[in-house]
C-alpha atoms as a PDB file:
ATOM      1  CA  UNK A   1      49.092  42.271  47.382  1.00  0.00           C
ATOM      2  CA  UNK A   2      47.706  45.262  49.742  1.00  0.00           C
ATOM      3  CA  UNK A   3      46.676  44.796  53.572  1.00  0.00           C
ATOM      4  CA  UNK A   4      43.685  46.762  55.164  1.00  0.00           C
ATOM      5  CA  UNK A   5      44.442  46.215  59.079  1.00  0.00           C
ATOM      6  CA  UNK A   6      42.738  47.791  62.007  1.00  0.00           C
ATOM      7  CA  UNK A   7      39.712  47.616  63.300  1.00  0.00           C
ATOM      8  CA  UNK A   8      37.477  50.771  61.666  1.00  0.00           C
ATOM      9  CA  UNK A   9      33.121  51.149  62.051  1.00  0.00           C
ATOM     10  CA  UNK A  10      31.481  49.731  59.304  1.00  0.00           C
ATOM     11  CA  UNK A  11      31.056  52.025  56.327  1.00  0.00           C
ATOM     12  CA  UNK A  12      34.785  53.481  56.289  1.00  0.00           C
ATOM     13  CA  UNK A  13      35.658  53.918  53.572  1.00  0.00           C
ATOM     14  CA  UNK A  14      39.732  53.465  52.196  1.00  0.00           C
ATOM     15  CA  UNK A  15      40.972  53.953  48.920  1.00  0.00           C
ATOM     16  CA  UNK A  16      44.191  52.275  46.929  1.00  0.00           C
ATOM     17  CA  UNK A  17      46.236  52.909  43.844  1.00  0.00           C
ATOM     18  CA  UNK A  18      49.138  50.924  42.532  1.00  0.00           C
ATOM     19  CA  UNK A  19      52.309  53.789  41.146  1.00  0.00           C
ATOM     20  CA  UNK A  20      55.032  52.577  39.119  1.00  0.00           C
ATOM     21  CA  UNK A  21      57.412  55.763  39.359  1.00  0.00           C
ATOM     22  CA  UNK A  22      60.034  55.528  36.896  1.00  0.00           C
ATOM     23  CA  UNK A  23      62.988  57.750  38.467  1.00  0.00           C
ATOM     24  CA  UNK A  24      62.889  55.302  42.048  1.00  0.00           C
ATOM     25  CA  UNK A  25      64.562  52.694  39.782  1.00  0.00           C
ATOM     26  CA  UNK A  26      67.241  54.112  36.829  1.00  0.00           C
ATOM     27  CA  UNK A  27      64.602  52.900  34.287  1.00  0.00           C
ATOM     28  CA  UNK A  28      64.688  55.443  31.226  1.00  0.00           C
ATOM     29  CA  UNK A  29      62.324  52.893  29.309  1.00  0.00           C
ATOM     30  CA  UNK A  30      59.024  53.687  30.865  1.00  0.00           C
ATOM     31  CA  UNK A  31      57.024  55.981  31.579  1.00  0.00           C
ATOM     32  CA  UNK A  32      55.842  56.703  35.045  1.00  0.00           C
ATOM     33  CA  UNK A  33      52.025  55.632  34.990  1.00  0.00           C
ATOM     34  CA  UNK A  34      49.177  55.374  38.078  1.00  0.00           C
ATOM     35  CA  UNK A  35      46.774  52.360  37.985  1.00  0.00           C
ATOM     36  CA  UNK A  36      43.124  53.349  38.833  1.00  0.00           C
ATOM     37  CA  UNK A  37      41.889  54.047  42.847  1.00  0.00           C
ATOM     38  CA  UNK A  38      39.798  50.905  44.169  1.00  0.00           C
ATOM     39  CA  UNK A  39      37.983  51.437  46.596  1.00  0.00           C
ATOM     40  CA  UNK A  40      36.535  49.336  49.839  1.00  0.00           C
ATOM     41  CA  UNK A  41      34.621  50.418  52.302  1.00  0.00           C
ATOM     42  CA  UNK A  42      34.083  47.789  55.941  1.00  0.00           C
ATOM     43  CA  UNK A  43      30.780  46.010  56.517  1.00  0.00           C
ATOM     44  CA  UNK A  44      31.431  44.505  59.447  1.00  0.00           C
END
């Protein structure tokens, strides 16, 4: 879950993506992977 907080000007854009890093959990089976960027634009 991602929560964007704060007050921003209308039209302000942000982006977020998920990542799985195999080294951080001692995982030796799965590979590091990154999801696509998701873009958000504040409208109110």
